[in-house]
Amino acid sequence: MVETSAFKCPLCGSENHQLFQELDSFGLTVRYYLCQKCGLVFQNPAESQAGDPAFYANVYRQVYQHSEQPTPKDLRQQRLRAEHASQFIKENGISKLGRALDIGASAGLFLESLRKDLGAQVYGVELGQAYREVAAAKGISMFESLEALEASQPEKFELVSLMHVLEHLNNPVEKLVEIREQLLEGDGFLLVEVPNLYAHDSFEIAHLTCFSPHTLKACLAKAGYQIVRFHAHGLPRSQTLKLFLTVLAKPTRELPSNSHVKPEHFVHIKRQIGMLWRKILSKILPKISWLPLEAA
């Protein structure tokens, strides 16, 4: 293993970490490190282009989709994800919402669902201009950054969602604290969805942090949230593979008295077993293990 101590773990702050995996992602070398104290897997943002916010405004869509404009495939996946997330919220007893904020709102399809199904007043943050314009054309109040939203001094929100956003941040705990303190009502809800380290490929240039169930729960606890429901699933991509982790949480009434993070062990082995199980299911049940990206 290659050892390094030039930067800190974004979960526990330790400088004791080792190289977990090095790979090529879209023609660029990406290195992931494993924190030896808590078990979080993450990139050094100083090494990654994705550590610069300008990457998402100017490069991200071109790299991933070869287009800054929304593509039919991307919009279909967003719609299916929005339907699943809306259903997840309703299954947990939320039948009506006031103000709702989606950070990383993309084309605004999830916010449309919240407005239609739960009567929410919807707001979004999206770095990509083309996607932001699509959402704004639907009557959604859009902001180009979280800083721009906060500068508008908004009233607090009953729901704040980060759907496939937290893994793109180099400071996930700090951002969750900021949301709790500045944006979320005291009895409001936080909705988070991320790839699952033990089932999803996870490793790519834009994913600065890769969460297991353990480390995602630890991040939420350290940031001052209690979990209402934690769900591992594969929708809208799979009926068998637990590709994604979706969490509904609320701010804790009392913040943790210390910052100790219970360590996770055997991360390498859990990753290997999870990816092997994915390979087996993909081979024996291909049609339900991988649902189509595009409509037939």
C-alpha atoms as a PDB file:
ATOM      1  CA  MET A   1       0.000   0.000   0.000  1.00  0.00           C
ATOM      2  CA  VAL A   2       1.069   3.563  -0.720  1.00  0.00           C
ATOM      3  CA  GLU A   3       0.833   5.742   2.366  1.00  0.00           C
ATOM      4  CA  THR A   4       0.140   9.459   2.400  1.00  0.00           C
ATOM      5  CA  SER A   5      -0.657  12.022   5.104  1.00  0.00           C
ATOM      6  CA  ALA A   6      -1.025  15.299   3.214  1.00  0.00           C
ATOM      7  CA  PHE A   7      -4.786  15.691   3.662  1.00  0.00           C
ATOM      8  CA  LYS A   8      -7.565  14.825   6.098  1.00  0.00           C
ATOM      9  CA  CYS A   9     -10.448  12.409   6.020  1.00  0.00           C
ATOM     10  CA  PRO A  10     -13.668  14.409   5.491  1.00  0.00           C
ATOM     11  CA  LEU A  11     -15.515  12.246   8.043  1.00  0.00           C
ATOM     12  CA  CYS A  12     -13.215  11.875  11.041  1.00  0.00           C
ATOM     13  CA  GLY A  13     -10.372  14.302  10.236  1.00  0.00           C
ATOM     14  CA  SER A  14      -7.636  11.679  10.430  1.00  0.00           C
ATOM     15  CA  GLU A  15      -4.521  12.020   8.274  1.00  0.00           C
ATOM     16  CA  ASN A  16      -3.889   8.274   8.475  1.00  0.00           C
ATOM     17  CA  HIS A  17      -5.013   6.808   5.161  1.00  0.00           C
ATOM     18  CA  GLN A  18      -3.749   4.495   2.452  1.00  0.00           C
ATOM     19  CA  LEU A  19      -4.292   4.142  -1.253  1.00  0.00           C
ATOM     20  CA  PHE A  20      -7.433   2.043  -1.776  1.00  0.00           C
ATOM     21  CA  GLN A  21      -7.597   1.948  -5.567  1.00  0.00           C
ATOM     22  CA  GLU A  22      -6.125   3.772  -8.545  1.00  0.00           C
ATOM     23  CA  LEU A  23      -8.006   3.723 -11.838  1.00  0.00           C
ATOM     24  CA  ASP A  24      -8.648   5.487 -15.115  1.00  0.00           C
ATOM     25  CA  SER A  25     -11.883   7.485 -15.357  1.00  0.00           C
ATOM     26  CA  PHE A  26     -12.689   9.249 -18.617  1.00  0.00           C
ATOM     27  CA  GLY A  27      -9.007   9.259 -19.499  1.00  0.00           C
ATOM     28  CA  LEU A  28      -7.885  10.709 -16.162  1.00  0.00           C
ATOM     29  CA  THR A  29      -6.105   8.994 -13.282  1.00  0.00           C
ATOM     30  CA  VAL A  30      -8.254   8.836 -10.154  1.00  0.00           C
ATOM     31  CA  ARG A  31      -6.978   7.731  -6.744  1.00  0.00           C
ATOM     32  CA  TYR A  32      -9.152   6.674  -3.835  1.00  0.00           C
ATOM     33  CA  TYR A  33      -7.885   6.499  -0.285  1.00  0.00           C
ATOM     34  CA  LEU A  34      -9.150   4.484   2.672  1.00  0.00           C
ATOM     35  CA  CYS A  35      -9.175   6.203   6.046  1.00  0.00           C
ATOM     36  CA  GLN A  36      -7.462   3.875   8.492  1.00  0.00           C
ATOM     37  CA  LYS A  37      -9.391   5.336  11.418  1.00  0.00           C
ATOM     38  CA  CYS A  38     -13.039   5.336  10.271  1.00  0.00           C
ATOM     39  CA  GLY A  39     -13.112   3.422   6.958  1.00  0.00           C
ATOM     40  CA  LEU A  40     -14.320   6.188   4.623  1.00  0.00           C
ATOM     41  CA  VAL A  41     -13.214   5.913   0.987  1.00  0.00           C
ATOM     42  CA  PHE A  42     -12.512   9.256  -0.673  1.00  0.00           C
ATOM     43  CA  GLN A  43     -10.408  11.222  -3.160  1.00  0.00           C
ATOM     44  CA  ASN A  44      -7.931  13.944  -2.305  1.00  0.00           C
ATOM     45  CA  PRO A  45      -9.776  16.937  -3.825  1.00  0.00           C
ATOM     46  CA  ALA A  46      -6.428  18.636  -4.511  1.00  0.00           C
ATOM     47  CA  GLU A  47      -5.632  15.787  -6.938  1.00  0.00           C
ATOM     48  CA  SER A  48      -9.004  15.747  -8.711  1.00  0.00           C
ATOM     49  CA  GLN A  49     -10.497  18.072 -11.301  1.00  0.00           C
ATOM     50  CA  ALA A  50     -13.852  17.377  -9.655  1.00  0.00           C
ATOM     51  CA  GLY A  51     -12.619  19.179  -6.539  1.00  0.00           C
ATOM     52  CA  ASP A  52     -13.118  22.465  -8.417  1.00  0.00           C
ATOM     53  CA  PRO A  53     -16.760  23.701  -8.574  1.00  0.00           C
ATOM     54  CA  ALA A  54     -16.078  24.992 -12.100  1.00  0.00           C
ATOM     55  CA  PHE A  55     -15.864  21.340 -13.183  1.00  0.00           C
ATOM     56  CA  TYR A  56     -19.634  20.972 -12.781  1.00  0.00           C
ATOM     57  CA  ALA A  57     -20.505  24.281 -14.402  1.00  0.00           C
ATOM     58  CA  ASN A  58     -18.270  23.824 -17.444  1.00  0.00           C
ATOM     59  CA  VAL A  59     -17.084  20.226 -17.845  1.00  0.00           C
ATOM     60  CA  TYR A  60     -19.253  17.645 -16.060  1.00  0.00           C
ATOM     61  CA  ARG A  61     -22.088  17.209 -18.573  1.00  0.00           C
ATOM     62  CA  GLN A  62     -19.701  17.188 -21.524  1.00  0.00           C
ATOM     63  CA  VAL A  63     -17.575  14.467 -19.927  1.00  0.00           C
ATOM     64  CA  TYR A  64     -20.477  12.257 -18.868  1.00  0.00           C
ATOM     65  CA  GLN A  65     -23.042  12.888 -21.616  1.00  0.00           C
ATOM     66  CA  HIS A  66     -21.079  14.638 -24.396  1.00  0.00           C
ATOM     67  CA  SER A  67     -23.696  17.371 -24.245  1.00  0.00           C
ATOM     68  CA  GLU A  68     -24.454  20.315 -21.990  1.00  0.00           C
ATOM     69  CA  GLN A  69     -28.129  19.968 -22.905  1.00  0.00           C
ATOM     70  CA  PRO A  70     -30.381  17.361 -21.239  1.00  0.00           C
ATOM     71  CA  THR A  71     -30.449  14.113 -23.206  1.00  0.00           C
ATOM     72  CA  PRO A  72     -33.508  11.834 -23.534  1.00  0.00           C
ATOM     73  CA  LYS A  73     -31.704   9.031 -21.683  1.00  0.00           C
ATOM     74  CA  ASP A  74     -30.731  11.317 -18.809  1.00  0.00           C
ATOM     75  CA  LEU A  75     -34.212  12.810 -18.539  1.00  0.00           C
ATOM     76  CA  ARG A  76     -35.795   9.339 -18.466  1.00  0.00           C
ATOM     77  CA  GLN A  77     -33.524   8.217 -15.637  1.00  0.00           C
ATOM     78  CA  GLN A  78     -34.224  11.451 -13.750  1.00  0.00           C
ATOM     79  CA  ARG A  79     -37.967  10.926 -14.143  1.00  0.00           C
ATOM     80  CA  LEU A  80     -37.810   7.339 -12.870  1.00  0.00           C
ATOM     81  CA  ARG A  81     -35.587   8.367  -9.966  1.00  0.00           C
ATOM     82  CA  ALA A  82     -37.966  11.222  -9.132  1.00  0.00           C
ATOM     83  CA  GLU A  83     -40.945   8.851  -9.089  1.00  0.00           C
ATOM     84  CA  HIS A  84     -39.136   6.454  -6.760  1.00  0.00           C
ATOM     85  CA  ALA A  85     -38.006   9.232  -4.416  1.00  0.00           C
ATOM     86  CA  SER A  86     -41.481  10.767  -4.240  1.00  0.00           C
ATOM     87  CA  GLN A  87     -42.963   7.372  -3.409  1.00  0.00           C
ATOM     88  CA  PHE A  88     -40.283   6.840  -0.744  1.00  0.00           C
ATOM     89  CA  ILE A  89     -41.270  10.110   0.921  1.00  0.00           C
ATOM     90  CA  LYS A  90     -44.982   9.299   0.856  1.00  0.00           C
ATOM     91  CA  GLU A  91     -44.385   5.818   2.275  1.00  0.00           C
ATOM     92  CA  ASN A  92     -42.880   7.488   5.327  1.00  0.00           C
ATOM     93  CA  GLY A  93     -46.008   9.418   6.209  1.00  0.00           C
ATOM     94  CA  ILE A  94     -45.386  12.681   4.375  1.00  0.00           C
ATOM     95  CA  SER A  95     -48.569  13.551   2.501  1.00  0.00           C
ATOM     96  CA  LYS A  96     -48.064  17.306   2.115  1.00  0.00           C
ATOM     97  CA  LEU A  97     -45.034  19.590   1.924  1.00  0.00           C
ATOM     98  CA  GLY A  98     -44.475  23.320   2.229  1.00  0.00           C
ATOM     99  CA  ARG A  99     -41.199  24.715   0.940  1.00  0.00           C
ATOM    100  CA  ALA A 100     -38.884  22.133  -0.655  1.00  0.00           C
ATOM    101  CA  LEU A 101     -35.321  22.596  -1.869  1.00  0.00           C
ATOM    102  CA  ASP A 102     -33.450  20.197  -4.161  1.00  0.00           C
ATOM    103  CA  ILE A 103     -29.691  20.739  -4.245  1.00  0.00           C
ATOM    104  CA  GLY A 104     -28.357  19.448  -7.551  1.00  0.00           C
ATOM    105  CA  ALA A 105     -31.834  19.776  -9.055  1.00  0.00           C
ATOM    106  CA  SER A 106     -30.752  19.087 -12.644  1.00  0.00           C
ATOM    107  CA  ALA A 107     -33.791  19.567 -14.939  1.00  0.00           C
ATOM    108  CA  GLY A 108     -36.165  19.830 -11.963  1.00  0.00           C
ATOM    109  CA  LEU A 109     -38.081  16.575 -12.457  1.00  0.00           C
ATOM    110  CA  PHE A 110     -37.991  15.625  -8.769  1.00  0.00           C
ATOM    111  CA  LEU A 111     -39.200  19.085  -7.803  1.00  0.00           C
ATOM    112  CA  GLU A 112     -42.017  18.755 -10.333  1.00  0.00           C
ATOM    113  CA  SER A 113     -43.046  15.527  -8.612  1.00  0.00           C
ATOM    114  CA  LEU A 114     -43.021  17.189  -5.200  1.00  0.00           C
ATOM    115  CA  ARG A 115     -45.114  20.058  -6.484  1.00  0.00           C
ATOM    116  CA  LYS A 116     -47.633  17.777  -8.193  1.00  0.00           C
ATOM    117  CA  ASP A 117     -47.881  15.016  -5.567  1.00  0.00           C
ATOM    118  CA  LEU A 118     -47.341  16.913  -2.301  1.00  0.00           C
ATOM    119  CA  GLY A 119     -48.261  20.507  -3.127  1.00  0.00           C
ATOM    120  CA  ALA A 120     -44.758  21.776  -2.384  1.00  0.00           C
ATOM    121  CA  GLN A 121     -43.391  25.232  -3.136  1.00  0.00           C
ATOM    122  CA  VAL A 122     -40.263  24.207  -5.020  1.00  0.00           C
ATOM    123  CA  TYR A 123     -36.765  25.651  -5.254  1.00  0.00           C
ATOM    124  CA  GLY A 124     -33.640  24.242  -6.807  1.00  0.00           C
ATOM    125  CA  VAL A 125     -29.884  24.686  -6.940  1.00  0.00           C
ATOM    126  CA  GLU A 126     -28.161  23.570 -10.148  1.00  0.00           C
ATOM    127  CA  LEU A 127     -24.668  24.468 -11.367  1.00  0.00           C
ATOM    128  CA  GLY A 128     -25.295  23.550 -15.013  1.00  0.00           C
ATOM    129  CA  GLN A 129     -26.826  26.486 -16.861  1.00  0.00           C
ATOM    130  CA  ALA A 130     -28.640  24.463 -19.543  1.00  0.00           C
ATOM    131  CA  TYR A 131     -30.329  22.236 -16.944  1.00  0.00           C
ATOM    132  CA  ARG A 132     -31.107  25.226 -14.765  1.00  0.00           C
ATOM    133  CA  GLU A 133     -32.861  26.933 -17.669  1.00  0.00           C
ATOM    134  CA  VAL A 134     -34.982  23.843 -18.363  1.00  0.00           C
ATOM    135  CA  ALA A 135     -36.125  23.741 -14.735  1.00  0.00           C
ATOM    136  CA  ALA A 136     -36.761  27.482 -14.578  1.00  0.00           C
ATOM    137  CA  ALA A 137     -38.979  27.239 -17.678  1.00  0.00           C
ATOM    138  CA  LYS A 138     -41.268  24.978 -15.611  1.00  0.00           C
ATOM    139  CA  GLY A 139     -41.803  27.728 -13.064  1.00  0.00           C
ATOM    140  CA  ILE A 140     -39.261  26.424 -10.561  1.00  0.00           C
ATOM    141  CA  SER A 141     -37.208  29.027  -8.666  1.00  0.00           C
ATOM    142  CA  MET A 142     -33.616  28.118  -9.550  1.00  0.00           C
ATOM    143  CA  PHE A 143     -30.246  29.265  -8.204  1.00  0.00           C
ATOM    144  CA  GLU A 144     -26.809  28.765  -9.729  1.00  0.00           C
ATOM    145  CA  SER A 145     -25.167  27.861  -6.430  1.00  0.00           C
ATOM    146  CA  LEU A 146     -25.882  27.268  -2.765  1.00  0.00           C
ATOM    147  CA  GLU A 147     -24.133  30.557  -2.018  1.00  0.00           C
ATOM    148  CA  ALA A 148     -26.512  32.403  -4.364  1.00  0.00           C
ATOM    149  CA  LEU A 149     -29.496  30.805  -2.634  1.00  0.00           C
ATOM    150  CA  GLU A 150     -28.227  31.689   0.831  1.00  0.00           C
ATOM    151  CA  ALA A 151     -27.499  35.255  -0.294  1.00  0.00           C
ATOM    152  CA  SER A 152     -31.203  35.620  -1.098  1.00  0.00           C
ATOM    153  CA  GLN A 153     -31.928  34.988   2.609  1.00  0.00           C
ATOM    154  CA  PRO A 154     -34.669  32.416   1.990  1.00  0.00           C
ATOM    155  CA  GLU A 155     -37.138  31.183   4.548  1.00  0.00           C
ATOM    156  CA  LYS A 156     -36.219  27.743   5.818  1.00  0.00           C
ATOM    157  CA  PHE A 157     -37.386  24.600   4.058  1.00  0.00           C
ATOM    158  CA  GLU A 158     -39.533  21.698   5.181  1.00  0.00           C
ATOM    159  CA  LEU A 159     -37.558  19.346   2.926  1.00  0.00           C
ATOM    160  CA  VAL A 160     -34.005  19.595   1.605  1.00  0.00           C
ATOM    161  CA  SER A 161     -32.900  16.881  -0.798  1.00  0.00           C
ATOM    162  CA  LEU A 162     -29.510  15.874  -2.188  1.00  0.00           C
ATOM    163  CA  MET A 163     -30.107  13.152  -4.754  1.00  0.00           C
ATOM    164  CA  HIS A 164     -26.727  11.862  -5.951  1.00  0.00           C
ATOM    165  CA  VAL A 165     -25.005  15.022  -4.776  1.00  0.00           C
ATOM    166  CA  LEU A 166     -23.298  14.161  -1.489  1.00  0.00           C
ATOM    167  CA  GLU A 167     -20.777  11.864  -3.213  1.00  0.00           C
ATOM    168  CA  HIS A 168     -19.654  14.822  -5.329  1.00  0.00           C
ATOM    169  CA  LEU A 169     -18.651  16.905  -2.310  1.00  0.00           C
ATOM    170  CA  ASN A 170     -15.202  16.963  -0.699  1.00  0.00           C
ATOM    171  CA  ASN A 171     -16.712  18.186   2.597  1.00  0.00           C
ATOM    172  CA  PRO A 172     -19.953  16.199   3.043  1.00  0.00           C
ATOM    173  CA  VAL A 173     -20.206  16.586   6.825  1.00  0.00           C
ATOM    174  CA  GLU A 174     -19.620  20.344   6.709  1.00  0.00           C
ATOM    175  CA  LYS A 175     -22.233  20.748   3.983  1.00  0.00           C
ATOM    176  CA  LEU A 176     -24.807  18.704   5.919  1.00  0.00           C
ATOM    177  CA  VAL A 177     -24.183  20.881   8.996  1.00  0.00           C
ATOM    178  CA  GLU A 178     -24.616  24.013   6.876  1.00  0.00           C
ATOM    179  CA  ILE A 179     -27.943  22.709   5.557  1.00  0.00           C
ATOM    180  CA  ARG A 180     -29.178  21.865   9.049  1.00  0.00           C
ATOM    181  CA  GLU A 181     -28.176  25.209  10.515  1.00  0.00           C
ATOM    182  CA  GLN A 182     -29.102  27.570   7.687  1.00  0.00           C
ATOM    183  CA  LEU A 183     -31.696  25.966   5.434  1.00  0.00           C
ATOM    184  CA  LEU A 184     -33.714  23.235   7.148  1.00  0.00           C
ATOM    185  CA  GLU A 185     -36.609  23.783   9.526  1.00  0.00           C
ATOM    186  CA  GLY A 186     -36.084  22.316  12.983  1.00  0.00           C
ATOM    187  CA  ASP A 187     -38.697  19.639  12.332  1.00  0.00           C
ATOM    188  CA  GLY A 188     -37.958  19.372   8.616  1.00  0.00           C
ATOM    189  CA  PHE A 189     -36.686  16.422   6.608  1.00  0.00           C
ATOM    190  CA  LEU A 190     -33.408  15.726   4.829  1.00  0.00           C
ATOM    191  CA  LEU A 191     -33.481  13.326   1.870  1.00  0.00           C
ATOM    192  CA  VAL A 192     -30.169  11.895   0.640  1.00  0.00           C
ATOM    193  CA  GLU A 193     -29.385   9.304  -2.016  1.00  0.00           C
ATOM    194  CA  VAL A 194     -25.883   8.090  -2.926  1.00  0.00           C
ATOM    195  CA  PRO A 195     -24.273   5.118  -4.705  1.00  0.00           C
ATOM    196  CA  ASN A 196     -23.548   2.136  -2.451  1.00  0.00           C
ATOM    197  CA  LEU A 197     -19.819   1.348  -2.252  1.00  0.00           C
ATOM    198  CA  TYR A 198     -20.636  -2.351  -1.829  1.00  0.00           C
ATOM    199  CA  ALA A 199     -22.749  -2.709  -4.998  1.00  0.00           C
ATOM    200  CA  HIS A 200     -22.259   0.301  -7.283  1.00  0.00           C
ATOM    201  CA  ASP A 201     -19.156   0.918  -9.406  1.00  0.00           C
ATOM    202  CA  SER A 202     -18.849   4.145  -7.383  1.00  0.00           C
ATOM    203  CA  PHE A 203     -15.315   4.941  -8.535  1.00  0.00           C
ATOM    204  CA  GLU A 204     -15.260   7.727 -11.131  1.00  0.00           C
ATOM    205  CA  ILE A 205     -13.741  11.158 -11.421  1.00  0.00           C
ATOM    206  CA  ALA A 206     -16.778  13.077 -10.154  1.00  0.00           C
ATOM    207  CA  HIS A 207     -17.286  10.973  -7.005  1.00  0.00           C
ATOM    208  CA  LEU A 208     -15.051  12.551  -4.390  1.00  0.00           C
ATOM    209  CA  THR A 209     -16.531  10.483  -1.549  1.00  0.00           C
ATOM    210  CA  CYS A 210     -17.795   6.891  -1.750  1.00  0.00           C
ATOM    211  CA  PHE A 211     -20.228   5.820   0.963  1.00  0.00           C
ATOM    212  CA  SER A 212     -20.960   2.460   2.501  1.00  0.00           C
ATOM    213  CA  PRO A 213     -24.085   2.134   4.651  1.00  0.00           C
ATOM    214  CA  HIS A 214     -21.856   2.532   7.722  1.00  0.00           C
ATOM    215  CA  THR A 215     -20.040   5.684   6.629  1.00  0.00           C
ATOM    216  CA  LEU A 216     -23.203   7.360   5.296  1.00  0.00           C
ATOM    217  CA  LYS A 217     -24.921   6.820   8.656  1.00  0.00           C
ATOM    218  CA  ALA A 218     -21.794   8.109  10.421  1.00  0.00           C
ATOM    219  CA  CYS A 219     -21.736  11.283   8.304  1.00  0.00           C
ATOM    220  CA  LEU A 220     -25.376  12.001   9.073  1.00  0.00           C
ATOM    221  CA  ALA A 221     -24.925  11.375  12.800  1.00  0.00           C
ATOM    222  CA  LYS A 222     -21.842  13.590  12.998  1.00  0.00           C
ATOM    223  CA  ALA A 223     -23.664  16.367  11.127  1.00  0.00           C
ATOM    224  CA  GLY A 224     -26.542  16.268  13.623  1.00  0.00           C
ATOM    225  CA  TYR A 225     -29.228  14.106  12.010  1.00  0.00           C
ATOM    226  CA  GLN A 226     -31.253  11.116  13.167  1.00  0.00           C
ATOM    227  CA  ILE A 227     -32.372   8.594  10.570  1.00  0.00           C
ATOM    228  CA  VAL A 228     -36.102   8.099   9.956  1.00  0.00           C
ATOM    229  CA  ARG A 229     -35.621   5.428   7.297  1.00  0.00           C
ATOM    230  CA  PHE A 230     -32.595   3.894   5.575  1.00  0.00           C
ATOM    231  CA  HIS A 231     -33.195   1.963   2.351  1.00  0.00           C
ATOM    232  CA  ALA A 232     -30.765   0.079   0.082  1.00  0.00           C
ATOM    233  CA  HIS A 233     -32.190  -0.622  -3.376  1.00  0.00           C
ATOM    234  CA  GLY A 234     -31.449  -0.607  -7.095  1.00  0.00           C
ATOM    235  CA  LEU A 235     -34.227   1.470  -8.677  1.00  0.00           C
ATOM    236  CA  PRO A 236     -34.469   2.659 -11.360  1.00  0.00           C
ATOM    237  CA  ARG A 237     -31.512   0.594 -12.632  1.00  0.00           C
ATOM    238  CA  SER A 238     -31.994  -2.802 -11.001  1.00  0.00           C
ATOM    239  CA  GLN A 239     -34.541  -4.992  -9.225  1.00  0.00           C
ATOM    240  CA  THR A 240     -31.912  -7.157  -7.524  1.00  0.00           C
ATOM    241  CA  LEU A 241     -28.759  -5.115  -6.898  1.00  0.00           C
ATOM    242  CA  LYS A 242     -28.543  -2.752  -3.917  1.00  0.00           C
ATOM    243  CA  LEU A 243     -26.903  -0.037  -5.988  1.00  0.00           C
ATOM    244  CA  PHE A 244     -28.169   2.975  -4.056  1.00  0.00           C
ATOM    245  CA  LEU A 245     -28.615   4.123  -0.461  1.00  0.00           C
ATOM    246  CA  THR A 246     -31.610   6.380   0.203  1.00  0.00           C
ATOM    247  CA  VAL A 247     -32.055   8.017   3.592  1.00  0.00           C
ATOM    248  CA  LEU A 248     -34.768  10.157   5.127  1.00  0.00           C
ATOM    249  CA  ALA A 249     -33.508  11.968   8.223  1.00  0.00           C
ATOM    250  CA  LYS A 250     -34.398  14.758  10.639  1.00  0.00           C
ATOM    251  CA  PRO A 251     -32.248  17.142  12.681  1.00  0.00           C
ATOM    252  CA  THR A 252     -31.450  15.762  16.133  1.00  0.00           C
ATOM    253  CA  ARG A 253     -32.791  17.702  19.079  1.00  0.00           C
ATOM    254  CA  GLU A 254     -29.420  17.452  20.795  1.00  0.00           C
ATOM    255  CA  LEU A 255     -26.169  17.447  18.843  1.00  0.00           C
ATOM    256  CA  PRO A 256     -23.632  14.683  19.472  1.00  0.00           C
ATOM    257  CA  SER A 257     -21.492  15.453  22.531  1.00  0.00           C
ATOM    258  CA  ASN A 258     -18.318  14.270  20.791  1.00  0.00           C
ATOM    259  CA  SER A 259     -17.018  13.772  17.281  1.00  0.00           C
ATOM    260  CA  HIS A 260     -15.949  10.146  17.690  1.00  0.00           C
ATOM    261  CA  VAL A 261     -16.752   8.015  14.645  1.00  0.00           C
ATOM    262  CA  LYS A 262     -17.071   4.270  15.103  1.00  0.00           C
ATOM    263  CA  PRO A 263     -14.642   2.651  12.648  1.00  0.00           C
ATOM    264  CA  GLU A 264     -15.676   0.317   9.849  1.00  0.00           C
ATOM    265  CA  HIS A 265     -13.434  -2.707   9.281  1.00  0.00           C
ATOM    266  CA  PHE A 266     -12.776  -5.038   6.322  1.00  0.00           C
ATOM    267  CA  VAL A 267     -13.811  -2.434   3.736  1.00  0.00           C
ATOM    268  CA  HIS A 268     -11.672  -4.068   1.030  1.00  0.00           C
ATOM    269  CA  ILE A 269     -13.276  -7.470   1.637  1.00  0.00           C
ATOM    270  CA  LYS A 270     -16.812  -6.065   1.762  1.00  0.00           C
ATOM    271  CA  ARG A 271     -16.223  -4.267  -1.527  1.00  0.00           C
ATOM    272  CA  GLN A 272     -14.865  -7.417  -3.171  1.00  0.00           C
ATOM    273  CA  ILE A 273     -17.743  -9.577  -1.934  1.00  0.00           C
ATOM    274  CA  GLY A 274     -20.323  -6.997  -2.980  1.00  0.00           C
ATOM    275  CA  MET A 275     -18.931  -6.641  -6.485  1.00  0.00           C
ATOM    276  CA  LEU A 276     -18.645 -10.414  -6.859  1.00  0.00           C
ATOM    277  CA  TRP A 277     -22.298 -10.824  -5.853  1.00  0.00           C
ATOM    278  CA  ARG A 278     -23.226  -8.144  -8.397  1.00  0.00           C
ATOM    279  CA  LYS A 279     -21.355 -10.070 -11.100  1.00  0.00           C
ATOM    280  CA  ILE A 280     -23.120 -13.323 -10.179  1.00  0.00           C
ATOM    281  CA  LEU A 281     -26.609 -11.784 -10.172  1.00  0.00           C
ATOM    282  CA  SER A 282     -25.909  -9.964 -13.430  1.00  0.00           C
ATOM    283  CA  LYS A 283     -25.028 -13.284 -15.032  1.00  0.00           C
ATOM    284  CA  ILE A 284     -27.862 -15.443 -13.708  1.00  0.00           C
ATOM    285  CA  LEU A 285     -30.632 -12.779 -13.712  1.00  0.00           C
ATOM    286  CA  PRO A 286     -29.543 -10.280 -16.375  1.00  0.00           C
ATOM    287  CA  LYS A 287     -32.977  -8.894 -17.308  1.00  0.00           C
ATOM    288  CA  ILE A 288     -33.936  -7.818 -13.801  1.00  0.00           C
ATOM    289  CA  SER A 289     -30.432  -7.097 -12.562  1.00  0.00           C
ATOM    290  CA  TRP A 290     -30.066  -4.362 -15.175  1.00  0.00           C
ATOM    291  CA  LEU A 291     -33.166  -2.483 -16.252  1.00  0.00           C
ATOM    292  CA  PRO A 292     -32.955  -0.504 -19.530  1.00  0.00           C
ATOM    293  CA  LEU A 293     -31.438   2.958 -19.567  1.00  0.00           C
ATOM    294  CA  GLU A 294     -33.662   4.015 -22.439  1.00  0.00           C
ATOM    295  CA  ALA A 295     -37.273   3.282 -23.293  1.00  0.00           C
ATOM    296  CA  ALA A 296     -37.822   0.356 -25.633  1.00  0.00           C
END
